[in-house]
N, C-alpha and C. Protein backbone atom coordinates (compact mmCIF):
# COMPACT_ATOMS: atom_id res chain seq x y z
N MET A 1 -77.45 -83.05 -34.79
CA MET A 1 -77.80 -81.78 -33.55
C MET A 1 -77.43 -81.71 -32.58
N GLU A 2 -76.69 -82.12 -31.75
CA GLU A 2 -75.29 -82.50 -30.76
C GLU A 2 -75.51 -81.43 -30.80
N HIS A 3 -74.66 -81.12 -31.71
CA HIS A 3 -73.73 -79.40 -32.12
C HIS A 3 -74.69 -79.00 -32.39
N ILE A 4 -75.86 -77.84 -32.34
CA ILE A 4 -76.92 -77.53 -32.91
C ILE A 4 -76.95 -76.88 -31.04
N ASP A 5 -77.03 -77.88 -30.46
CA ASP A 5 -77.42 -78.03 -28.96
C ASP A 5 -76.71 -77.06 -28.70
N ALA A 6 -75.65 -77.77 -28.67
CA ALA A 6 -74.46 -77.49 -28.23
C ALA A 6 -74.30 -75.99 -28.29
N LEU A 7 -74.39 -76.01 -29.51
CA LEU A 7 -74.09 -74.40 -30.40
C LEU A 7 -75.28 -72.99 -29.66
N ILE A 8 -76.58 -74.30 -30.02
CA ILE A 8 -77.15 -73.07 -28.39
C ILE A 8 -76.79 -73.05 -26.73
N ASP A 9 -76.85 -73.69 -26.03
CA ASP A 9 -76.31 -74.13 -25.30
C ASP A 9 -75.05 -72.97 -24.58
N ASP A 10 -73.75 -73.56 -25.81
CA ASP A 10 -72.95 -72.29 -25.66
C ASP A 10 -73.75 -70.36 -25.60
N LEU A 11 -74.27 -70.17 -26.90
CA LEU A 11 -74.77 -69.05 -27.62
C LEU A 11 -75.52 -68.11 -25.97
N ILE A 12 -76.42 -68.95 -25.48
CA ILE A 12 -77.11 -68.68 -23.74
C ILE A 12 -76.60 -68.08 -23.03
N ALA A 13 -75.41 -69.68 -22.19
CA ALA A 13 -74.58 -69.01 -21.71
C ALA A 13 -73.74 -66.97 -21.63
N ARG A 14 -73.07 -67.72 -23.04
CA ARG A 14 -72.44 -65.44 -22.43
C ARG A 14 -73.34 -64.88 -23.13
N GLU A 15 -74.93 -65.37 -23.86
CA GLU A 15 -75.54 -63.86 -23.97
C GLU A 15 -75.97 -63.17 -22.77
N GLY A 16 -76.78 -64.55 -21.69
CA GLY A 16 -77.20 -64.77 -20.27
C GLY A 16 -78.60 -63.88 -20.30
N ASP A 17 -78.88 -63.63 -19.31
CA ASP A 17 -80.23 -62.89 -19.12
C ASP A 17 -80.84 -61.78 -20.05
N TYR A 18 -81.65 -61.43 -18.94
CA TYR A 18 -81.94 -60.27 -19.32
C TYR A 18 -81.22 -59.40 -19.57
N VAL A 19 -80.51 -58.42 -20.86
CA VAL A 19 -79.61 -56.90 -20.39
C VAL A 19 -80.17 -55.54 -22.05
N HIS A 20 -79.75 -54.58 -20.69
CA HIS A 20 -81.30 -53.17 -22.11
C HIS A 20 -79.90 -52.68 -22.17
N HIS A 21 -78.64 -52.26 -22.94
CA HIS A 21 -77.94 -51.14 -22.56
C HIS A 21 -77.98 -50.00 -23.79
N PRO A 22 -78.15 -49.21 -23.27
CA PRO A 22 -78.08 -48.32 -24.32
C PRO A 22 -76.97 -47.66 -25.99
N ALA A 23 -75.53 -48.24 -25.26
CA ALA A 23 -74.48 -48.57 -26.47
C ALA A 23 -75.13 -50.06 -27.52
N ASP A 24 -75.85 -50.20 -27.33
CA ASP A 24 -76.14 -51.89 -28.02
C ASP A 24 -77.46 -51.05 -28.96
N ARG A 25 -76.89 -52.05 -30.22
CA ARG A 25 -77.52 -51.09 -30.90
C ARG A 25 -78.82 -52.64 -31.65
N GLY A 26 -78.85 -53.82 -30.69
CA GLY A 26 -79.87 -54.70 -31.22
C GLY A 26 -80.88 -54.20 -29.93
N GLY A 27 -80.26 -53.52 -28.73
CA GLY A 27 -82.04 -53.31 -27.98
C GLY A 27 -82.21 -54.35 -27.00
N PRO A 28 -83.40 -54.51 -26.06
CA PRO A 28 -83.72 -54.88 -25.10
C PRO A 28 -83.44 -57.02 -25.16
N THR A 29 -83.24 -57.55 -25.47
CA THR A 29 -82.77 -58.69 -25.16
C THR A 29 -82.19 -59.14 -23.84
N ARG A 30 -82.78 -60.51 -24.58
CA ARG A 30 -82.83 -62.10 -23.34
C ARG A 30 -82.43 -63.50 -23.65
N TRP A 31 -81.74 -64.01 -23.05
CA TRP A 31 -81.62 -65.55 -23.81
C TRP A 31 -80.20 -65.15 -25.27
N GLY A 32 -79.83 -64.07 -25.88
CA GLY A 32 -79.39 -64.18 -26.85
C GLY A 32 -80.14 -63.96 -28.11
N ILE A 33 -82.31 -63.39 -27.99
CA ILE A 33 -82.86 -62.57 -28.12
C ILE A 33 -82.49 -61.84 -28.32
N THR A 34 -83.47 -61.42 -30.02
CA THR A 34 -83.29 -59.55 -29.08
C THR A 34 -84.79 -59.37 -29.10
N GLU A 35 -85.07 -58.11 -29.13
CA GLU A 35 -85.95 -57.93 -28.52
C GLU A 35 -87.00 -57.73 -30.14
N ALA A 36 -86.68 -57.49 -31.37
CA ALA A 36 -87.52 -57.93 -32.75
C ALA A 36 -87.64 -58.95 -33.52
N VAL A 37 -86.66 -59.60 -33.43
CA VAL A 37 -86.14 -60.96 -33.47
C VAL A 37 -87.58 -62.24 -31.93
N ALA A 38 -87.48 -61.59 -31.59
CA ALA A 38 -89.39 -61.76 -30.60
C ALA A 38 -90.47 -62.07 -31.04
N ARG A 39 -90.48 -60.59 -31.17
CA ARG A 39 -91.28 -59.72 -32.49
C ARG A 39 -91.48 -60.94 -32.95
N ARG A 40 -91.31 -60.66 -33.69
CA ARG A 40 -91.42 -62.11 -35.68
C ARG A 40 -91.14 -63.57 -35.61
N HIS A 41 -91.03 -63.17 -34.85
CA HIS A 41 -91.54 -64.78 -33.79
C HIS A 41 -92.82 -65.03 -33.07
N GLY A 42 -92.94 -64.17 -33.37
CA GLY A 42 -94.51 -64.29 -32.21
C GLY A 42 -94.77 -63.78 -31.53
N TYR A 43 -93.43 -63.24 -30.15
CA TYR A 43 -94.08 -63.23 -29.03
C TYR A 43 -93.95 -60.95 -28.66
N HIS A 44 -95.70 -61.13 -27.91
CA HIS A 44 -95.94 -59.82 -27.68
C HIS A 44 -96.46 -59.25 -26.07
N ASP A 45 -95.01 -60.45 -25.01
CA ASP A 45 -95.37 -59.67 -23.90
C ASP A 45 -93.69 -59.01 -23.56
N LYS A 46 -93.46 -58.56 -22.67
CA LYS A 46 -92.16 -57.72 -21.71
C LYS A 46 -90.97 -59.09 -21.97
N MET A 47 -90.29 -58.86 -22.20
CA MET A 47 -88.48 -59.09 -22.49
C MET A 47 -88.07 -59.30 -22.11
N THR A 48 -88.10 -59.03 -20.53
CA THR A 48 -87.74 -60.13 -19.41
C THR A 48 -88.57 -60.92 -18.86
N GLN A 49 -89.84 -61.65 -19.91
CA GLN A 49 -90.33 -62.38 -18.73
C GLN A 49 -89.68 -63.82 -20.58
N LEU A 50 -89.14 -62.66 -21.57
CA LEU A 50 -89.41 -64.21 -22.84
C LEU A 50 -88.03 -65.66 -22.14
N PRO A 51 -89.57 -66.56 -22.29
CA PRO A 51 -88.86 -67.96 -21.76
C PRO A 51 -87.52 -68.64 -21.91
N ARG A 52 -86.76 -69.20 -21.19
CA ARG A 52 -85.39 -69.84 -22.11
C ARG A 52 -85.80 -70.71 -22.93
N GLY A 53 -87.15 -71.60 -22.55
CA GLY A 53 -87.00 -72.34 -23.12
C GLY A 53 -87.94 -72.13 -24.98
N ARG A 54 -88.46 -71.02 -24.63
CA ARG A 54 -88.78 -70.81 -26.27
C ARG A 54 -87.86 -69.70 -27.20
N SER A 55 -86.77 -69.00 -26.15
CA SER A 55 -85.38 -68.39 -27.03
C SER A 55 -84.36 -69.84 -27.26
N ARG A 56 -84.74 -70.29 -27.15
CA ARG A 56 -83.66 -71.90 -27.48
C ARG A 56 -84.82 -72.73 -28.13
N ARG A 57 -86.30 -72.93 -28.65
CA ARG A 57 -86.74 -72.68 -29.57
C ARG A 57 -86.18 -72.06 -30.51
N ASP A 58 -86.03 -70.32 -31.01
CA ASP A 58 -85.81 -69.55 -31.64
C ASP A 58 -84.25 -70.17 -32.38
N LEU A 59 -84.12 -69.40 -31.49
CA LEU A 59 -82.09 -70.87 -31.47
C LEU A 59 -82.88 -71.74 -32.24
N GLN A 60 -82.84 -72.44 -32.21
CA GLN A 60 -82.95 -74.02 -33.04
C GLN A 60 -83.26 -73.52 -34.27
N THR A 61 -84.30 -72.75 -34.68
CA THR A 61 -84.97 -72.48 -35.32
C THR A 61 -84.54 -71.84 -36.82
N TYR A 62 -83.25 -71.18 -35.82
CA TYR A 62 -82.15 -70.21 -36.44
C TYR A 62 -81.96 -70.58 -37.54
N ILE A 63 -81.16 -71.16 -36.51
CA ILE A 63 -79.36 -72.22 -36.84
C ILE A 63 -79.46 -73.27 -38.34
N LEU A 64 -81.45 -73.68 -38.39
CA LEU A 64 -81.48 -75.40 -39.03
C LEU A 64 -82.28 -74.89 -39.61
N ALA A 65 -82.72 -73.32 -40.59
CA ALA A 65 -82.42 -72.45 -41.60
C ALA A 65 -82.15 -71.78 -42.17
N CYS A 66 -80.59 -72.14 -41.14
CA CYS A 66 -79.77 -71.40 -42.18
C CYS A 66 -78.32 -72.17 -42.41
N PRO A 67 -78.61 -73.72 -42.99
CA PRO A 67 -77.58 -74.47 -43.33
C PRO A 67 -75.88 -74.69 -42.68
N ARG A 68 -75.82 -73.41 -43.42
CA ARG A 68 -74.34 -73.12 -44.00
C ARG A 68 -73.65 -72.55 -42.69
N LEU A 69 -74.52 -71.78 -41.28
CA LEU A 69 -74.68 -71.31 -40.36
C LEU A 69 -73.02 -72.57 -39.61
N CYS A 70 -73.61 -73.60 -39.54
CA CYS A 70 -72.80 -74.97 -39.27
C CYS A 70 -71.80 -74.61 -38.88
N ARG A 71 -71.73 -74.92 -40.30
CA ARG A 71 -69.78 -75.58 -41.47
C ARG A 71 -69.48 -73.61 -41.08
N CYS A 72 -69.67 -72.49 -41.20
CA CYS A 72 -68.70 -71.88 -41.77
C CYS A 72 -67.89 -70.97 -39.86
N ARG A 73 -68.70 -71.62 -38.73
CA ARG A 73 -68.55 -71.57 -37.56
C ARG A 73 -67.55 -72.60 -37.20
N ARG A 74 -66.91 -73.56 -37.69
CA ARG A 74 -65.74 -74.97 -37.94
C ARG A 74 -65.60 -74.19 -38.33
N ASN A 75 -64.82 -73.70 -40.42
CA ASN A 75 -64.93 -72.54 -40.54
C ASN A 75 -63.28 -71.27 -39.96
N CYS A 76 -64.05 -70.51 -38.96
CA CYS A 76 -64.10 -69.78 -37.97
C CYS A 76 -62.72 -70.36 -36.99
N ALA A 77 -63.59 -71.35 -36.10
CA ALA A 77 -62.70 -71.78 -35.34
C ALA A 77 -61.38 -72.35 -35.51
N ARG A 78 -61.29 -72.22 -36.82
CA ARG A 78 -60.44 -73.47 -37.53
C ARG A 78 -59.25 -72.07 -37.82
N ILE A 79 -60.04 -70.95 -38.14
CA ILE A 79 -58.07 -69.40 -37.90
C ILE A 79 -58.84 -69.41 -36.92
N GLY A 80 -59.13 -68.86 -35.93
CA GLY A 80 -58.74 -68.54 -34.70
C GLY A 80 -60.48 -67.58 -34.12
N GLY A 81 -61.55 -67.60 -34.41
CA GLY A 81 -62.15 -66.66 -34.98
C GLY A 81 -64.01 -67.68 -34.23
N GLY A 82 -64.41 -66.48 -33.75
CA GLY A 82 -65.96 -67.74 -33.56
C GLY A 82 -67.04 -66.32 -34.39
N ILE A 83 -67.44 -67.53 -34.24
CA ILE A 83 -69.36 -66.34 -34.85
C ILE A 83 -70.32 -68.09 -34.92
N VAL A 84 -71.62 -67.07 -34.04
CA VAL A 84 -72.83 -67.16 -33.60
C VAL A 84 -74.10 -66.95 -34.94
């Protein structure tokens, strides 16, 4: 679980706070969660108000639901790439 927590912390630090750039096909994003993902997880308020803790829980749910993601990330790191 510590590895997953570190993975989430890294993703949130990289993604940062709210962004909505026209060139980004993901649309509005906050703390690494796109608006589409937030809606799928039941969040219906403004994306600018999405709590960091909720993003953390949603990311954790996603990562735990994809058991091969951590193994894939380890393998990609060995060859010099990165995946989240």
